Amino acid sequence: MERVCFTFEIYEGMEAEYDKRHREIWPELVKDINDAGFSNYTIFRRGTIAVGYFEAVPDKQTALEKMSRSEANTKWAEWFKNVIVNLGDGYGNLIELREVWHLEEGK
């Protein structure tokens, strides 16, 4: 399992729309996210800055490759082009944060 934290920017004035769309997330997209190996997928937002976290099994690359074949994810990414700055392929332009410490590992 691989833990990933990332950040991206939302266009100014689109914050409420971003939140609304996530409240109405498509069931087929949720299924594809789960089937790809993502879990504990969470997104936080402060103003136009979003921070996301997920765990991927067996790893991020494998999960992202599976999601790249998701029709729902492709449509979702297209739908968000006017909401998220540099969305790219849905994951490719995320700015990843380096993990420094994790409680369960005691590091």
PDB file of N, CA and C in Angstrom:
ATOM      1  N   MET A   1       0.843  -1.180   0.000  1.00  0.00           N
ATOM      2  CA  MET A   1       0.000   0.000   0.000  1.00  0.00           C
ATOM      3  C   MET A   1       0.884   1.239   0.000  1.00  0.00           C
ATOM      4  N   GLU A   2       0.483   2.220  -0.793  1.00  0.00           N
ATOM      5  CA  GLU A   2       1.219   3.479  -0.879  1.00  0.00           C
ATOM      6  C   GLU A   2       0.289   4.633  -0.496  1.00  0.00           C
ATOM      7  N   ARG A   3       0.764   5.517   0.379  1.00  0.00           N
ATOM      8  CA  ARG A   3       0.009   6.711   0.779  1.00  0.00           C
ATOM      9  C   ARG A   3       0.450   7.880  -0.096  1.00  0.00           C
ATOM     10  N   VAL A   4      -0.536   8.666  -0.563  1.00  0.00           N
ATOM     11  CA  VAL A   4      -0.231   9.801  -1.434  1.00  0.00           C
ATOM     12  C   VAL A   4      -1.028  11.016  -0.971  1.00  0.00           C
ATOM     13  N   CYS A   5      -0.343  12.131  -0.814  1.00  0.00           N
ATOM     14  CA  CYS A   5      -0.981  13.412  -0.504  1.00  0.00           C
ATOM     15  C   CYS A   5      -0.596  14.372  -1.619  1.00  0.00           C
ATOM     16  N   PHE A   6      -1.565  15.168  -2.075  1.00  0.00           N
ATOM     17  CA  PHE A   6      -1.320  16.046  -3.206  1.00  0.00           C
ATOM     18  C   PHE A   6      -2.136  17.328  -3.047  1.00  0.00           C
ATOM     19  N   THR A   7      -1.793  18.313  -3.850  1.00  0.00           N
ATOM     20  CA  THR A   7      -2.507  19.573  -3.828  1.00  0.00           C
ATOM     21  C   THR A   7      -2.735  20.061  -5.256  1.00  0.00           C
ATOM     22  N   PHE A   8      -3.763  20.855  -5.443  1.00  0.00           N
ATOM     23  CA  PHE A   8      -4.039  21.475  -6.728  1.00  0.00           C
ATOM     24  C   PHE A   8      -4.867  22.723  -6.475  1.00  0.00           C
ATOM     25  N   GLU A   9      -5.042  23.510  -7.514  1.00  0.00           N
ATOM     26  CA  GLU A   9      -5.745  24.788  -7.381  1.00  0.00           C
ATOM     27  C   GLU A   9      -7.069  24.773  -8.132  1.00  0.00           C
ATOM     28  N   ILE A  10      -8.055  25.406  -7.536  1.00  0.00           N
ATOM     29  CA  ILE A  10      -9.375  25.582  -8.135  1.00  0.00           C
ATOM     30  C   ILE A  10      -9.448  27.022  -8.649  1.00  0.00           C
ATOM     31  N   TYR A  11     -10.071  27.208  -9.797  1.00  0.00           N
ATOM     32  CA  TYR A  11     -10.233  28.572 -10.304  1.00  0.00           C
ATOM     33  C   TYR A  11     -11.020  29.414  -9.304  1.00  0.00           C
ATOM     34  N   GLU A  12     -10.555  30.637  -9.109  1.00  0.00           N
ATOM     35  CA  GLU A  12     -11.244  31.555  -8.215  1.00  0.00           C
ATOM     36  C   GLU A  12     -12.694  31.734  -8.678  1.00  0.00           C
ATOM     37  N   GLY A  13     -13.606  31.690  -7.731  1.00  0.00           N
ATOM     38  CA  GLY A  13     -15.016  31.821  -8.018  1.00  0.00           C
ATOM     39  C   GLY A  13     -15.707  30.488  -8.286  1.00  0.00           C
ATOM     40  N   MET A  14     -14.944  29.401  -8.364  1.00  0.00           N
ATOM     41  CA  MET A  14     -15.509  28.076  -8.648  1.00  0.00           C
ATOM     42  C   MET A  14     -15.529  27.167  -7.423  1.00  0.00           C
ATOM     43  N   GLU A  15     -15.221  27.724  -6.251  1.00  0.00           N
ATOM     44  CA  GLU A  15     -15.137  26.911  -5.035  1.00  0.00           C
ATOM     45  C   GLU A  15     -16.461  26.225  -4.705  1.00  0.00           C
ATOM     46  N   ALA A  16     -17.551  26.965  -4.743  1.00  0.00           N
ATOM     47  CA  ALA A  16     -18.863  26.388  -4.413  1.00  0.00           C
ATOM     48  C   ALA A  16     -19.250  25.320  -5.433  1.00  0.00           C
ATOM     49  N   GLU A  17     -18.960  25.564  -6.689  1.00  0.00           N
ATOM     50  CA  GLU A  17     -19.265  24.582  -7.735  1.00  0.00           C
ATOM     51  C   GLU A  17     -18.443  23.307  -7.529  1.00  0.00           C
ATOM     52  N   TYR A  18     -17.175  23.466  -7.168  1.00  0.00           N
ATOM     53  CA  TYR A  18     -16.317  22.312  -6.885  1.00  0.00           C
ATOM     54  C   TYR A  18     -16.931  21.457  -5.773  1.00  0.00           C
ATOM     55  N   ASP A  19     -17.317  22.105  -4.691  1.00  0.00           N
ATOM     56  CA  ASP A  19     -17.932  21.386  -3.564  1.00  0.00           C
ATOM     57  C   ASP A  19     -19.228  20.709  -3.985  1.00  0.00           C
ATOM     58  N   LYS A  20     -20.061  21.431  -4.726  1.00  0.00           N
ATOM     59  CA  LYS A  20     -21.357  20.896  -5.164  1.00  0.00           C
ATOM     60  C   LYS A  20     -21.174  19.630  -5.998  1.00  0.00           C
ATOM     61  N   ARG A  21     -20.263  19.667  -6.934  1.00  0.00           N
ATOM     62  CA  ARG A  21     -20.050  18.506  -7.801  1.00  0.00           C
ATOM     63  C   ARG A  21     -19.586  17.289  -6.996  1.00  0.00           C
ATOM     64  N   HIS A  22     -18.808  17.520  -5.973  1.00  0.00           N
ATOM     65  CA  HIS A  22     -18.360  16.386  -5.154  1.00  0.00           C
ATOM     66  C   HIS A  22     -19.476  15.852  -4.255  1.00  0.00           C
ATOM     67  N   ARG A  23     -20.400  16.690  -3.879  1.00  0.00           N
ATOM     68  CA  ARG A  23     -21.565  16.194  -3.127  1.00  0.00           C
ATOM     69  C   ARG A  23     -22.435  15.306  -4.010  1.00  0.00           C
ATOM     70  N   GLU A  24     -22.323  15.493  -5.310  1.00  0.00           N
ATOM     71  CA  GLU A  24     -23.129  14.743  -6.276  1.00  0.00           C
ATOM     72  C   GLU A  24     -22.280  13.765  -7.091  1.00  0.00           C
ATOM     73  N   ILE A  25     -21.197  13.268  -6.519  1.00  0.00           N
ATOM     74  CA  ILE A  25     -20.276  12.399  -7.257  1.00  0.00           C
ATOM     75  C   ILE A  25     -21.015  11.198  -7.840  1.00  0.00           C
ATOM     76  N   TRP A  26     -20.635  10.813  -9.021  1.00  0.00           N
ATOM     77  CA  TRP A  26     -21.306   9.750  -9.753  1.00  0.00           C
ATOM     78  C   TRP A  26     -20.992   8.385  -9.145  1.00  0.00           C
ATOM     79  N   PRO A  27     -21.992   7.568  -8.916  1.00  0.00           N
ATOM     80  CA  PRO A  27     -21.765   6.227  -8.348  1.00  0.00           C
ATOM     81  C   PRO A  27     -20.807   5.380  -9.185  1.00  0.00           C
ATOM     82  N   GLU A  28     -20.866   5.496 -10.505  1.00  0.00           N
ATOM     83  CA  GLU A  28     -19.965   4.707 -11.349  1.00  0.00           C
ATOM     84  C   GLU A  28     -18.511   5.140 -11.183  1.00  0.00           C
ATOM     85  N   LEU A  29     -18.291   6.427 -10.886  1.00  0.00           N
ATOM     86  CA  LEU A  29     -16.934   6.901 -10.633  1.00  0.00           C
ATOM     87  C   LEU A  29     -16.427   6.369  -9.297  1.00  0.00           C
ATOM     88  N   VAL A  30     -17.284   6.393  -8.284  1.00  0.00           N
ATOM     89  CA  VAL A  30     -16.905   5.851  -6.974  1.00  0.00           C
ATOM     90  C   VAL A  30     -16.542   4.370  -7.104  1.00  0.00           C
ATOM     91  N   LYS A  31     -17.323   3.633  -7.883  1.00  0.00           N
ATOM     92  CA  LYS A  31     -17.044   2.209  -8.095  1.00  0.00           C
ATOM     93  C   LYS A  31     -15.676   2.029  -8.757  1.00  0.00           C
ATOM     94  N   ASP A  32     -15.405   2.823  -9.793  1.00  0.00           N
ATOM     95  CA  ASP A  32     -14.119   2.718 -10.487  1.00  0.00           C
ATOM     96  C   ASP A  32     -12.948   3.088  -9.582  1.00  0.00           C
ATOM     97  N   ILE A  33     -13.125   4.080  -8.743  1.00  0.00           N
ATOM     98  CA  ILE A  33     -12.080   4.478  -7.791  1.00  0.00           C
ATOM     99  C   ILE A  33     -11.766   3.308  -6.858  1.00  0.00           C
ATOM    100  N   ASN A  34     -12.801   2.712  -6.316  1.00  0.00           N
ATOM    101  CA  ASN A  34     -12.608   1.560  -5.428  1.00  0.00           C
ATOM    102  C   ASN A  34     -11.985   0.380  -6.166  1.00  0.00           C
ATOM    103  N   ASP A  35     -12.505   0.077  -7.355  1.00  0.00           N
ATOM    104  CA  ASP A  35     -11.998  -1.055  -8.132  1.00  0.00           C
ATOM    105  C   ASP A  35     -10.537  -0.881  -8.542  1.00  0.00           C
ATOM    106  N   ALA A  36     -10.102   0.361  -8.699  1.00  0.00           N
ATOM    107  CA  ALA A  36      -8.716   0.637  -9.096  1.00  0.00           C
ATOM    108  C   ALA A  36      -7.729   0.421  -7.956  1.00  0.00           C
ATOM    109  N   GLY A  37      -8.228   0.351  -6.730  1.00  0.00           N
ATOM    110  CA  GLY A  37      -7.337   0.122  -5.591  1.00  0.00           C
ATOM    111  C   GLY A  37      -7.142   1.313  -4.684  1.00  0.00           C
ATOM    112  N   PHE A  38      -7.959   2.360  -4.873  1.00  0.00           N
ATOM    113  CA  PHE A  38      -7.872   3.523  -3.991  1.00  0.00           C
ATOM    114  C   PHE A  38      -8.728   3.292  -2.747  1.00  0.00           C
ATOM    115  N   SER A  39      -8.250   3.768  -1.607  1.00  0.00           N
ATOM    116  CA  SER A  39      -9.047   3.774  -0.382  1.00  0.00           C
ATOM    117  C   SER A  39      -8.677   5.008   0.432  1.00  0.00           C
ATOM    118  N   ASN A  40      -9.489   5.285   1.420  1.00  0.00           N
ATOM    119  CA  ASN A  40      -9.277   6.467   2.278  1.00  0.00           C
ATOM    120  C   ASN A  40      -9.034   7.732   1.453  1.00  0.00           C
ATOM    121  N   TYR A  41      -9.731   7.831   0.338  1.00  0.00           N
ATOM    122  CA  TYR A  41      -9.583   8.974  -0.555  1.00  0.00           C
ATOM    123  C   TYR A  41     -10.344  10.151   0.059  1.00  0.00           C
ATOM    124  N   THR A  42      -9.627  11.223   0.342  1.00  0.00           N
ATOM    125  CA  THR A  42     -10.200  12.387   1.004  1.00  0.00           C
ATOM    126  C   THR A  42      -9.676  13.651   0.338  1.00  0.00           C
ATOM    127  N   ILE A  43     -10.545  14.638   0.204  1.00  0.00           N
ATOM    128  CA  ILE A  43     -10.117  15.938  -0.308  1.00  0.00           C
ATOM    129  C   ILE A  43     -10.543  17.013   0.686  1.00  0.00           C
ATOM    130  N   PHE A  44      -9.610  17.890   1.015  1.00  0.00           N
ATOM    131  CA  PHE A  44      -9.851  19.042   1.870  1.00  0.00           C
ATOM    132  C   PHE A  44      -9.687  20.283   0.997  1.00  0.00           C
ATOM    133  N   ARG A  45     -10.348  21.375   1.386  1.00  0.00           N
ATOM    134  CA  ARG A  45     -10.219  22.607   0.609  1.00  0.00           C
ATOM    135  C   ARG A  45     -10.177  23.807   1.532  1.00  0.00           C
ATOM    136  N   ARG A  46      -9.303  24.744   1.208  1.00  0.00           N
ATOM    137  CA  ARG A  46      -9.264  26.048   1.865  1.00  0.00           C
ATOM    138  C   ARG A  46      -9.159  27.084   0.760  1.00  0.00           C
ATOM    139  N   GLY A  47     -10.239  27.807   0.547  1.00  0.00           N
ATOM    140  CA  GLY A  47     -10.264  28.760  -0.558  1.00  0.00           C
ATOM    141  C   GLY A  47     -10.115  28.029  -1.880  1.00  0.00           C
ATOM    142  N   THR A  48      -9.151  28.438  -2.669  1.00  0.00           N
ATOM    143  CA  THR A  48      -8.950  27.810  -3.976  1.00  0.00           C
ATOM    144  C   THR A  48      -7.907  26.690  -3.945  1.00  0.00           C
ATOM    145  N   ILE A  49      -7.381  26.397  -2.784  1.00  0.00           N
ATOM    146  CA  ILE A  49      -6.378  25.340  -2.661  1.00  0.00           C
ATOM    147  C   ILE A  49      -7.037  24.069  -2.146  1.00  0.00           C
ATOM    148  N   ALA A  50      -6.866  22.986  -2.883  1.00  0.00           N
ATOM    149  CA  ALA A  50      -7.380  21.679  -2.475  1.00  0.00           C
ATOM    150  C   ALA A  50      -6.200  20.777  -2.127  1.00  0.00           C
ATOM    151  N   VAL A  51      -6.389  19.975  -1.096  1.00  0.00           N
ATOM    152  CA  VAL A  51      -5.396  18.997  -0.684  1.00  0.00           C
ATOM    153  C   VAL A  51      -6.091  17.651  -0.625  1.00  0.00           C
ATOM    154  N   GLY A  52      -5.531  16.685  -1.311  1.00  0.00           N
ATOM    155  CA  GLY A  52      -6.120  15.355  -1.333  1.00  0.00           C
ATOM    156  C   GLY A  52      -5.198  14.320  -0.728  1.00  0.00           C
ATOM    157  N   TYR A  53      -5.804  13.226  -0.295  1.00  0.00           N
ATOM    158  CA  TYR A  53      -5.051  12.108   0.274  1.00  0.00           C
ATOM    159  C   TYR A  53      -5.727  10.817  -0.162  1.00  0.00           C
ATOM    160  N   PHE A  54      -4.921   9.834  -0.530  1.00  0.00           N
ATOM    161  CA  PHE A  54      -5.465   8.496  -0.767  1.00  0.00           C
ATOM    162  C   PHE A  54      -4.410   7.450  -0.467  1.00  0.00           C
ATOM    163  N   GLU A  55      -4.896   6.245  -0.273  1.00  0.00           N
ATOM    164  CA  GLU A  55      -4.029   5.086  -0.158  1.00  0.00           C
ATOM    165  C   GLU A  55      -4.305   4.220  -1.371  1.00  0.00           C
ATOM    166  N   ALA A  56      -3.264   3.683  -1.969  1.00  0.00           N
ATOM    167  CA  ALA A  56      -3.405   2.901  -3.195  1.00  0.00           C
ATOM    168  C   ALA A  56      -2.797   1.516  -3.012  1.00  0.00           C
ATOM    169  N   VAL A  57      -3.553   0.507  -3.450  1.00  0.00           N
ATOM    170  CA  VAL A  57      -3.098  -0.882  -3.357  1.00  0.00           C
ATOM    171  C   VAL A  57      -2.998  -1.445  -4.768  1.00  0.00           C
ATOM    172  N   PRO A  58      -1.903  -2.016  -5.191  1.00  0.00           N
ATOM    173  CA  PRO A  58      -0.707  -2.212  -4.384  1.00  0.00           C
ATOM    174  C   PRO A  58       0.158  -0.959  -4.298  1.00  0.00           C
ATOM    175  N   ASP A  59      -0.010  -0.037  -5.281  1.00  0.00           N
ATOM    176  CA  ASP A  59       0.755   1.207  -5.273  1.00  0.00           C
ATOM    177  C   ASP A  59       0.049   2.247  -6.150  1.00  0.00           C
ATOM    178  N   LYS A  60       0.534   3.471  -6.084  1.00  0.00           N
ATOM    179  CA  LYS A  60      -0.077   4.588  -6.813  1.00  0.00           C
ATOM    180  C   LYS A  60      -0.072   4.347  -8.318  1.00  0.00           C
ATOM    181  N   GLN A  61       1.049   3.936  -8.860  1.00  0.00           N
ATOM    182  CA  GLN A  61       1.161   3.768 -10.306  1.00  0.00           C
ATOM    183  C   GLN A  61       0.138   2.763 -10.841  1.00  0.00           C
ATOM    184  N   THR A  62      -0.018   1.640 -10.152  1.00  0.00           N
ATOM    185  CA  THR A  62      -0.972   0.617 -10.574  1.00  0.00           C
ATOM    186  C   THR A  62      -2.399   1.157 -10.520  1.00  0.00           C
ATOM    187  N   ALA A  63      -2.738   1.828  -9.434  1.00  0.00           N
ATOM    188  CA  ALA A  63      -4.090   2.384  -9.288  1.00  0.00           C
ATOM    189  C   ALA A  63      -4.365   3.447 -10.347  1.00  0.00           C
ATOM    190  N   LEU A  64      -3.394   4.311 -10.619  1.00  0.00           N
ATOM    191  CA  LEU A  64      -3.581   5.353 -11.629  1.00  0.00           C
ATOM    192  C   LEU A  64      -3.732   4.752 -13.024  1.00  0.00           C
ATOM    193  N   GLU A  65      -2.976   3.706 -13.307  1.00  0.00           N
ATOM    194  CA  GLU A  65      -3.111   3.049 -14.607  1.00  0.00           C
ATOM    195  C   GLU A  65      -4.515   2.472 -14.775  1.00  0.00           C
ATOM    196  N   LYS A  66      -5.046   1.863 -13.728  1.00  0.00           N
ATOM    197  CA  LYS A  66      -6.413   1.336 -13.792  1.00  0.00           C
ATOM    198  C   LYS A  66      -7.418   2.461 -13.997  1.00  0.00           C
ATOM    199  N   MET A  67      -7.238   3.571 -13.294  1.00  0.00           N
ATOM    200  CA  MET A  67      -8.178   4.697 -13.436  1.00  0.00           C
ATOM    201  C   MET A  67      -8.094   5.322 -14.822  1.00  0.00           C
ATOM    202  N   SER A  68      -6.950   5.235 -15.462  1.00  0.00           N
ATOM    203  CA  SER A  68      -6.820   5.818 -16.796  1.00  0.00           C
ATOM    204  C   SER A  68      -7.715   5.108 -17.810  1.00  0.00           C
ATOM    205  N   ARG A  69      -8.173   3.911 -17.476  1.00  0.00           N
ATOM    206  CA  ARG A  69      -9.074   3.166 -18.357  1.00  0.00           C
ATOM    207  C   ARG A  69     -10.546   3.374 -17.985  1.00  0.00           C
ATOM    208  N   SER A  70     -10.820   4.209 -16.996  1.00  0.00           N
ATOM    209  CA  SER A  70     -12.184   4.455 -16.533  1.00  0.00           C
ATOM    210  C   SER A  70     -12.874   5.508 -17.396  1.00  0.00           C
ATOM    211  N   GLU A  71     -13.935   5.117 -18.040  1.00  0.00           N
ATOM    212  CA  GLU A  71     -14.722   6.064 -18.843  1.00  0.00           C
ATOM    213  C   GLU A  71     -15.319   7.154 -17.956  1.00  0.00           C
ATOM    214  N   ALA A  72     -15.781   6.765 -16.762  1.00  0.00           N
ATOM    215  CA  ALA A  72     -16.363   7.742 -15.840  1.00  0.00           C
ATOM    216  C   ALA A  72     -15.318   8.776 -15.427  1.00  0.00           C
ATOM    217  N   ASN A  73     -14.087   8.338 -15.179  1.00  0.00           N
ATOM    218  CA  ASN A  73     -13.031   9.260 -14.785  1.00  0.00           C
ATOM    219  C   ASN A  73     -12.692  10.226 -15.918  1.00  0.00           C
ATOM    220  N   THR A  74     -12.681   9.726 -17.140  1.00  0.00           N
ATOM    221  CA  THR A  74     -12.412  10.576 -18.298  1.00  0.00           C
ATOM    222  C   THR A  74     -13.483  11.660 -18.425  1.00  0.00           C
ATOM    223  N   LYS A  75     -14.738  11.288 -18.266  1.00  0.00           N
ATOM    224  CA  LYS A  75     -15.843  12.251 -18.339  1.00  0.00           C
ATOM    225  C   LYS A  75     -15.786  13.241 -17.179  1.00  0.00           C
ATOM    226  N   TRP A  76     -15.465  12.737 -15.974  1.00  0.00           N
ATOM    227  CA  TRP A  76     -15.355  13.589 -14.781  1.00  0.00           C
ATOM    228  C   TRP A  76     -14.265  14.638 -14.997  1.00  0.00           C
ATOM    229  N   ALA A  77     -13.099  14.209 -15.488  1.00  0.00           N
ATOM    230  CA  ALA A  77     -11.993  15.134 -15.729  1.00  0.00           C
ATOM    231  C   ALA A  77     -12.387  16.195 -16.750  1.00  0.00           C
ATOM    232  N   GLU A  78     -13.082  15.802 -17.796  1.00  0.00           N
ATOM    233  CA  GLU A  78     -13.541  16.756 -18.807  1.00  0.00           C
ATOM    234  C   GLU A  78     -14.506  17.775 -18.184  1.00  0.00           C
ATOM    235  N   TRP A  79     -15.393  17.288 -17.327  1.00  0.00           N
ATOM    236  CA  TRP A  79     -16.394  18.131 -16.674  1.00  0.00           C
ATOM    237  C   TRP A  79     -15.753  19.159 -15.735  1.00  0.00           C
ATOM    238  N   PHE A  80     -14.561  18.854 -15.231  1.00  0.00           N
ATOM    239  CA  PHE A  80     -13.897  19.722 -14.261  1.00  0.00           C
ATOM    240  C   PHE A  80     -12.881  20.677 -14.890  1.00  0.00           C
ATOM    241  N   LYS A  81     -12.739  20.670 -16.207  1.00  0.00           N
ATOM    242  CA  LYS A  81     -11.731  21.520 -16.848  1.00  0.00           C
ATOM    243  C   LYS A  81     -11.932  22.999 -16.561  1.00  0.00           C
ATOM    244  N   ASN A  82     -13.183  23.413 -16.350  1.00  0.00           N
ATOM    245  CA  ASN A  82     -13.435  24.828 -16.065  1.00  0.00           C
ATOM    246  C   ASN A  82     -13.428  25.124 -14.565  1.00  0.00           C
ATOM    247  N   VAL A  83     -13.104  24.112 -13.753  1.00  0.00           N
ATOM    248  CA  VAL A  83     -13.122  24.262 -12.297  1.00  0.00           C
ATOM    249  C   VAL A  83     -11.716  24.146 -11.699  1.00  0.00           C
ATOM    250  N   ILE A  84     -10.932  23.195 -12.208  1.00  0.00           N
ATOM    251  CA  ILE A  84      -9.611  22.922 -11.650  1.00  0.00           C
ATOM    252  C   ILE A  84      -8.535  23.417 -12.606  1.00  0.00           C
ATOM    253  N   VAL A  85      -7.575  24.151 -12.071  1.00  0.00           N
ATOM    254  CA  VAL A  85      -6.453  24.662 -12.847  1.00  0.00           C
ATOM    255  C   VAL A  85      -5.539  23.491 -13.214  1.00  0.00           C
ATOM    256  N   ASN A  86      -5.195  23.366 -14.484  1.00  0.00           N
ATOM    257  CA  ASN A  86      -4.265  22.326 -14.956  1.00  0.00           C
ATOM    258  C   ASN A  86      -4.664  20.924 -14.546  1.00  0.00           C
ATOM    259  N   LEU A  87      -5.906  20.571 -14.775  1.00  0.00           N
ATOM    260  CA  LEU A  87      -6.361  19.234 -14.399  1.00  0.00           C
ATOM    261  C   LEU A  87      -5.639  18.148 -15.181  1.00  0.00           C
ATOM    262  N   GLY A  88      -5.321  18.394 -16.407  1.00  0.00           N
ATOM    263  CA  GLY A  88      -4.619  17.399 -17.211  1.00  0.00           C
ATOM    264  C   GLY A  88      -5.446  16.155 -17.389  1.00  0.00           C
ATOM    265  N   ASP A  89      -4.859  14.985 -17.077  1.00  0.00           N
ATOM    266  CA  ASP A  89      -5.534  13.708 -17.285  1.00  0.00           C
ATOM    267  C   ASP A  89      -6.337  13.276 -16.073  1.00  0.00           C
ATOM    268  N   GLY A  90      -6.502  14.152 -15.117  1.00  0.00           N
ATOM    269  CA  GLY A  90      -7.244  13.796 -13.922  1.00  0.00           C
ATOM    270  C   GLY A  90      -6.332  13.556 -12.734  1.00  0.00           C
ATOM    271  N   TYR A  91      -5.089  13.203 -12.987  1.00  0.00           N
ATOM    272  CA  TYR A  91      -4.136  12.975 -11.905  1.00  0.00           C
ATOM    273  C   TYR A  91      -2.737  13.461 -12.261  1.00  0.00           C
ATOM    274  N   GLY A  92      -2.432  13.551 -13.517  1.00  0.00           N
ATOM    275  CA  GLY A  92      -1.064  13.770 -13.950  1.00  0.00           C
ATOM    276  C   GLY A  92      -0.394  15.036 -13.486  1.00  0.00           C
ATOM    277  N   ASN A  93      -1.143  16.084 -13.210  1.00  0.00           N
ATOM    278  CA  ASN A  93      -0.523  17.355 -12.852  1.00  0.00           C
ATOM    279  C   ASN A  93      -0.634  17.677 -11.367  1.00  0.00           C
ATOM    280  N   LEU A  94      -0.888  16.664 -10.562  1.00  0.00           N
ATOM    281  CA  LEU A  94      -0.988  16.899  -9.130  1.00  0.00           C
ATOM    282  C   LEU A  94       0.387  17.194  -8.553  1.00  0.00           C
ATOM    283  N   ILE A  95       0.418  18.080  -7.596  1.00  0.00           N
ATOM    284  CA  ILE A  95       1.666  18.384  -6.904  1.00  0.00           C
ATOM    285  C   ILE A  95       1.676  17.527  -5.649  1.00  0.00           C
ATOM    286  N   GLU A  96       2.536  16.509  -5.648  1.00  0.00           N
ATOM    287  CA  GLU A  96       2.579  15.594  -4.514  1.00  0.00           C
ATOM    288  C   GLU A  96       3.377  16.180  -3.354  1.00  0.00           C
ATOM    289  N   LEU A  97       2.935  15.855  -2.164  1.00  0.00           N
ATOM    290  CA  LEU A  97       3.629  16.252  -0.946  1.00  0.00           C
ATOM    291  C   LEU A  97       4.396  15.038  -0.432  1.00  0.00           C
ATOM    292  N   ARG A  98       5.594  15.254   0.056  1.00  0.00           N
ATOM    293  CA  ARG A  98       6.439  14.174   0.557  1.00  0.00           C
ATOM    294  C   ARG A  98       6.021  13.797   1.969  1.00  0.00           C
ATOM    295  N   GLU A  99       5.843  12.506   2.208  1.00  0.00           N
ATOM    296  CA  GLU A  99       5.504  12.043   3.557  1.00  0.00           C
ATOM    297  C   GLU A  99       6.727  12.161   4.455  1.00  0.00           C
ATOM    298  N   VAL A 100       6.531  12.785   5.609  1.00  0.00           N
ATOM    299  CA  VAL A 100       7.614  13.005   6.548  1.00  0.00           C
ATOM    300  C   VAL A 100       7.514  12.061   7.741  1.00  0.00           C
ATOM    301  N   TRP A 101       6.292  11.798   8.202  1.00  0.00           N
ATOM    302  CA  TRP A 101       6.094  10.992   9.398  1.00  0.00           C
ATOM    303  C   TRP A 101       4.720  10.360   9.357  1.00  0.00           C
ATOM    304  N   HIS A 102       4.623   9.147   9.930  1.00  0.00           N
ATOM    305  CA  HIS A 102       3.341   8.445   9.993  1.00  0.00           C
ATOM    306  C   HIS A 102       3.238   7.765  11.355  1.00  0.00           C
ATOM    307  N   LEU A 103       2.174   8.016  12.078  1.00  0.00           N
ATOM    308  CA  LEU A 103       2.004   7.538  13.452  1.00  0.00           C
ATOM    309  C   LEU A 103       2.211   6.036  13.590  1.00  0.00           C
ATOM    310  N   GLU A 104       1.549   5.251  12.747  1.00  0.00           N
ATOM    311  CA  GLU A 104       1.619   3.809  12.901  1.00  0.00           C
ATOM    312  C   GLU A 104       3.016   3.255  12.692  1.00  0.00           C
ATOM    313  N   GLU A 105       3.850   3.980  11.967  1.00  0.00           N
ATOM    314  CA  GLU A 105       5.215   3.517  11.721  1.00  0.00           C
ATOM    315  C   GLU A 105       6.197   4.076  12.730  1.00  0.00           C
ATOM    316  N   GLY A 106       5.757   5.053  13.533  1.00  0.00           N
ATOM    317  CA  GLY A 106       6.596   5.613  14.580  1.00  0.00           C
ATOM    318  C   GLY A 106       7.826   6.334  14.098  1.00  0.00           C
ATOM    319  N   LYS A 107       7.813   6.767  12.852  1.00  0.00           N
ATOM    320  CA  LYS A 107       8.995   7.462  12.302  1.00  0.00           C
ATOM    321  C   LYS A 107       8.917   8.927  12.602  1.00  0.00           C
TER     322      LYS A 107
END
